Protein backbone atom coordinates (compact mmCIF):
# COMPACT_ATOMS: atom_id res chain seq x y z
CA MET A 1 78.90 10.15 -35.29
CA SER A 2 79.34 13.73 -36.47
CA THR A 3 77.51 17.00 -36.96
CA ALA A 4 76.84 18.30 -40.45
CA ALA A 5 74.89 20.89 -42.39
CA LEU A 6 71.99 19.35 -44.31
CA PRO A 7 73.37 20.40 -47.74
CA ASP A 8 76.65 18.64 -46.91
CA THR A 9 74.79 15.49 -45.83
CA ILE A 10 72.82 15.45 -49.07
CA PHE A 11 76.00 15.97 -51.11
CA ALA A 12 77.71 13.11 -49.23
CA LEU A 13 74.75 10.74 -49.65
CA THR A 14 74.50 11.43 -53.38
CA GLY A 15 78.19 11.78 -54.17
CA LYS A 16 77.70 15.24 -55.64
CA GLY A 17 79.03 18.76 -55.08
CA PRO A 18 82.12 18.73 -52.83
CA TYR A 19 81.70 14.92 -52.59
CA GLU A 20 81.72 14.30 -56.33
CA GLY A 21 82.69 10.67 -56.88
CA ARG A 22 82.76 9.91 -53.14
CA LYS A 23 79.27 8.69 -52.32
CA HIS A 24 78.59 7.88 -48.65
CA ALA A 25 75.31 5.97 -48.88
CA ASN A 26 75.51 4.65 -45.30
CA LEU A 27 74.86 8.00 -43.60
CA ARG A 28 71.75 8.28 -41.43
CA VAL A 29 70.36 11.22 -39.45
CA LEU A 30 70.12 10.78 -35.71
CA ALA A 31 68.70 14.21 -34.92
CA ARG A 32 67.94 17.61 -36.34
CA LEU A 33 69.70 19.95 -33.92
CA LEU A 34 68.95 23.51 -34.98
CA GLU A 35 68.63 26.03 -37.76
CA PHE A 36 71.87 27.60 -38.95
CA GLN A 37 71.61 31.08 -40.46
CA THR A 38 74.16 32.72 -42.76
CA GLY A 39 74.32 35.98 -44.64
CA PHE A 40 76.30 38.81 -46.22
CA MET A 41 77.92 41.40 -43.97
CA VAL A 42 79.15 44.88 -44.95
CA ARG A 43 80.12 48.07 -43.13
CA LYS A 44 77.16 49.92 -41.66
CA ASP A 45 78.20 53.13 -43.42
CA SER A 46 78.58 51.35 -46.77
CA ASN A 47 76.29 52.23 -49.68
CA ILE A 48 75.94 48.50 -50.44
CA ARG A 49 72.27 47.63 -49.90
CA SER A 50 71.85 44.49 -52.01
CA LEU A 51 73.90 41.71 -53.55
CA ALA A 52 73.74 43.56 -56.87
CA ASP A 53 75.71 46.39 -55.23
CA LEU A 54 78.63 43.96 -54.76
CA LYS A 55 79.23 43.81 -58.51
CA GLY A 56 82.78 44.80 -59.46
CA LYS A 57 83.90 44.95 -55.83
CA PRO A 58 86.35 42.71 -53.92
CA PHE A 59 84.67 39.92 -51.99
CA PRO A 60 85.98 36.70 -50.35
CA SER A 61 86.08 33.68 -52.68
CA GLY A 62 87.38 30.14 -52.94
CA PHE A 63 86.73 28.92 -49.39
CA THR A 64 89.06 26.00 -50.08
CA SER A 65 88.83 24.52 -46.56
CA GLN A 66 85.14 25.32 -46.09
CA LYS A 67 83.61 24.33 -49.40
CA LEU A 68 80.00 24.57 -48.27
CA VAL A 69 80.44 28.31 -47.70
CA GLY A 70 81.53 28.69 -51.32
CA VAL A 71 78.49 26.68 -52.42
CA LEU A 72 76.13 28.87 -50.38
CA VAL A 73 77.64 32.10 -51.70
CA ARG A 74 77.29 30.89 -55.29
CA ALA A 75 73.72 29.75 -54.60
CA ALA A 76 72.78 33.15 -53.17
CA PHE A 77 74.33 34.98 -56.12
CA GLU A 78 72.65 32.84 -58.75
CA ALA A 79 69.27 33.04 -57.00
CA GLU A 80 69.51 36.79 -57.52
CA GLY A 81 70.62 36.59 -61.14
CA MET A 82 74.33 37.01 -60.46
CA SER A 83 77.44 34.84 -60.67
CA LEU A 84 80.75 34.68 -58.82
CA SER A 85 82.40 36.42 -61.78
CA ASP A 86 80.39 39.54 -60.95
CA VAL A 87 82.68 40.27 -58.00
CA VAL A 88 86.46 40.56 -57.73
CA GLY A 89 87.32 37.37 -55.89
CA VAL A 90 89.77 37.53 -52.99
CA PRO A 91 90.82 33.90 -52.29
CA VAL A 92 90.39 32.75 -48.68
CA PRO A 93 90.30 29.29 -47.05
CA ASN A 94 87.27 29.93 -44.81
CA PHE A 95 84.77 32.53 -43.60
CA VAL A 96 86.97 33.54 -40.65
CA ARG A 97 89.82 34.51 -42.98
CA GLY A 98 87.30 36.15 -45.27
CA THR A 99 86.09 38.32 -42.42
CA GLU A 100 89.66 39.16 -41.45
CA GLN A 101 90.19 40.41 -45.00
CA PHE A 102 87.02 42.45 -44.67
CA VAL A 103 88.18 44.02 -41.38
CA ALA A 104 91.55 44.75 -42.98
CA GLY A 105 89.80 46.65 -45.77
CA LYS A 106 90.74 44.19 -48.52
CA THR A 107 87.12 43.26 -49.26
CA VAL A 108 83.85 45.17 -48.99
CA GLY A 109 82.12 42.45 -47.03
CA SER A 110 82.06 38.86 -45.86
CA TYR A 111 79.70 35.87 -45.62
CA LEU A 112 79.11 34.12 -42.31
CA ALA A 113 76.71 33.36 -39.45
CA PRO A 114 75.35 36.54 -37.79
CA GLY A 115 75.66 35.26 -34.23
CA SER A 116 79.27 34.12 -34.47
CA GLY A 117 82.15 35.52 -32.42
CA ILE A 118 83.99 36.75 -35.51
CA VAL A 119 81.02 38.99 -36.33
CA ARG A 120 81.11 40.53 -32.86
CA LYS A 121 84.83 41.19 -33.27
CA ALA A 122 84.25 42.85 -36.63
CA ASN A 123 81.46 44.99 -35.19
CA ALA A 124 83.83 46.09 -32.41
CA LYS A 125 86.27 47.40 -35.05
CA PHE A 126 83.60 49.30 -36.96
CA LYS A 127 79.84 49.03 -37.06
CA ILE A 128 78.50 46.41 -39.47
CA ARG A 129 75.14 45.33 -40.89
CA PHE A 130 73.78 42.45 -42.92
CA ILE A 131 72.29 42.69 -46.42
CA SER A 132 68.77 41.33 -46.84
CA LEU A 133 68.43 38.88 -49.71
CA THR A 134 65.68 39.25 -52.29
CA GLU A 135 63.36 36.28 -52.68
CA LYS A 136 61.39 36.21 -55.93
CA PRO A 137 59.28 33.49 -57.60
CA GLY A 138 61.73 30.78 -58.59
CA SER A 139 64.52 32.00 -56.27
CA LEU A 140 64.17 29.09 -53.85
CA LYS A 141 64.32 26.56 -56.69
CA ILE A 142 67.58 28.08 -57.94
CA LEU A 143 68.98 28.24 -54.42
CA ARG A 144 68.26 24.56 -53.78
CA SER A 145 69.53 23.45 -57.18
CA ILE A 146 72.98 24.52 -55.98
CA ALA A 147 72.66 24.09 -52.20
CA PRO A 148 70.09 21.29 -51.63
CA GLY A 149 68.21 21.62 -48.38
CA ALA A 150 68.89 25.36 -48.03
CA TYR A 151 66.05 27.82 -47.61
CA TYR A 152 65.36 31.49 -46.91
CA THR A 153 65.09 32.51 -43.28
CA THR A 154 64.49 35.82 -41.53
CA VAL A 155 66.80 36.93 -38.74
CA ARG A 156 65.13 39.38 -36.36
CA PRO A 157 66.64 41.93 -33.97
CA THR A 158 67.83 40.64 -30.59
CA LYS A 159 69.95 42.12 -27.80
CA ARG A 160 72.56 39.47 -28.56
CA MET A 161 73.03 40.85 -32.09
CA PRO A 162 72.93 44.68 -31.89
CA TYR A 163 73.98 44.93 -35.54
CA ILE A 164 70.65 43.41 -36.59
CA THR A 165 68.33 46.42 -36.26
CA GLU A 166 65.56 45.22 -38.58
CA PRO A 167 64.45 41.85 -40.01
CA VAL A 168 67.04 40.53 -42.49
CA LYS A 169 66.44 37.72 -44.98
CA MET A 170 69.34 35.27 -45.08
CA ILE A 171 70.05 31.67 -46.06
CA GLY A 172 69.17 28.99 -43.54
CA PHE A 173 69.75 25.26 -43.35
CA ASP A 174 69.21 22.53 -40.80
CA TYR A 175 72.16 21.36 -38.74
CA LEU A 176 72.17 17.63 -38.05
CA LEU A 177 73.72 14.93 -35.93
CA GLN A 178 74.46 12.03 -38.25
CA VAL A 179 75.66 8.47 -37.75
CA GLY A 180 76.52 5.44 -39.83
CA ALA A 181 73.83 2.96 -40.81
CA LYS A 182 75.69 0.25 -38.87
CA VAL A 183 75.24 1.99 -35.51
CA SER A 184 72.99 -0.27 -33.45
CA ASN A 185 69.33 0.58 -33.01
CA ALA A 186 69.80 0.57 -29.24
CA VAL A 187 72.57 3.18 -29.32
CA ALA A 188 70.64 5.38 -31.76
CA TYR A 189 67.50 5.08 -29.63
CA LYS A 190 69.26 6.04 -26.39
CA SER A 191 71.14 8.90 -28.06
CA ALA A 192 67.98 10.36 -29.59
CA LYS A 193 66.20 10.10 -26.24
CA ALA A 194 69.06 11.77 -24.36
CA LEU A 195 69.18 14.67 -26.82
CA HIS A 196 65.42 15.17 -26.86
CA GLN A 197 65.06 15.22 -23.09
CA ASN A 198 68.09 17.27 -22.05
CA LYS A 199 68.09 20.70 -23.67
CA LYS A 200 69.27 22.43 -20.47
CA ALA A 201 72.37 20.24 -20.35
CA LEU A 202 73.05 20.91 -24.03
CA VAL A 203 72.80 24.67 -23.53
CA ALA A 204 75.11 24.43 -20.52
CA ALA A 205 77.65 22.63 -22.70
CA HIS A 206 77.45 25.13 -25.58
CA GLY A 207 75.38 28.28 -26.02
CA VAL A 208 74.57 27.44 -29.63
CA PHE A 209 72.00 24.95 -28.31
CA ARG A 210 69.76 27.82 -27.23
CA GLY A 211 68.40 27.41 -30.74
CA PHE A 212 67.69 23.72 -30.23
CA LYS A 213 63.95 23.00 -30.38
CA PRO A 214 63.22 19.49 -29.06
CA LYS A 215 59.87 19.36 -30.89
CA LEU A 216 61.75 19.70 -34.19
CA ILE A 217 64.41 17.07 -33.47
CA ALA A 218 62.66 14.69 -35.89
CA LYS A 219 61.80 17.36 -38.48
CA GLN A 220 60.39 15.84 -41.64
CA GLY A 221 60.96 16.81 -45.27
CA LEU A 222 64.73 16.97 -45.02
CA GLY A 223 65.23 14.60 -47.93
CA VAL A 224 67.48 12.31 -45.89
CA GLU A 225 66.79 9.14 -43.90
CA TYR A 226 66.69 8.94 -40.10
CA HIS A 227 68.31 5.99 -38.32
CA PRO A 228 65.74 3.26 -37.45
CA GLY A 229 66.70 3.40 -33.77
CA ALA A 230 66.04 7.13 -33.65
CA ILE A 231 62.76 6.67 -35.51
CA LYS A 232 61.64 4.17 -32.86
CA TYR A 233 62.18 6.70 -30.09
CA TYR A 234 60.60 9.59 -31.99
CA LYS A 235 57.47 7.53 -32.63
CA GLU A 236 57.24 6.60 -28.94
CA ALA A 237 57.68 10.29 -28.01
CA GLY A 238 54.87 11.30 -30.36
CA LEU A 239 57.18 13.26 -32.65
CA LEU A 240 56.43 11.15 -35.73
C-alpha cells in the first residue's frame, strides 16, 4: 500500500515516463484522497507575470529525485508553447532544493505546492506570489500528453495562504492510495470503509486531509482501475 500522484500511477501501470520499461500492471486504486495543486512561484516584486517571462532566466531543472515535478514543469511549459530549453536550467534534485536556490537568489522562481511549508518559509524571507497559467483551446490535451491525469485547477485566496491574493490557475492532479491487485477483497473493503467514514481522524493525523472529500473517494474518470474490494464498499455506500 502506498500513496501516489495519479500521473505517477498511470506511468507505472503503462511502463512509460519515469517507469519506462518497468511496467507495474498489478497496481489498483483503493481511494482517491484529495486534489494536489502545484504552480510557479516568483518574488512578489518581480516583473515576471507569465511563464513566457521566464524565458532566458535561471529556473530549477532536473528534479532527479522527484521526477514527476520535472514532468509537470515540462508539461506546463509545452502547454504554453515553450520548452525547457527556453530557461537557463539550474539542476536540483527536488522542489525543496529548487526553492532554496530561489530564496538564495540563484533562480527567479520555483515550482511547488502553494500550501507547503517551504512556501511559507520563502514568503517569510521576502514576499512571493504565484503565476497564473494560461489555458487555451488544446492546452489541456498537450498537458495530459506529457502528464496523464493532470488538469488545470484554480487556487483561490485563503487566510492560510496570504500570498494568494487573487484566483491563480495552476496544475492539479488527484492524489491516490494504491494497493497491489493481490490484496484481499476483505482488506480493501475494510480500508475503503475506514477512510470514507473517518475524515476527522485523518485530519487529526495530518492537516493535509482537510482537503479530503469523502464523496469523491471513488471519483470516476481517473483512467485507472479500483480494487474490487473497494468497489464493493463504494457501491454499498452509494458512491458508485
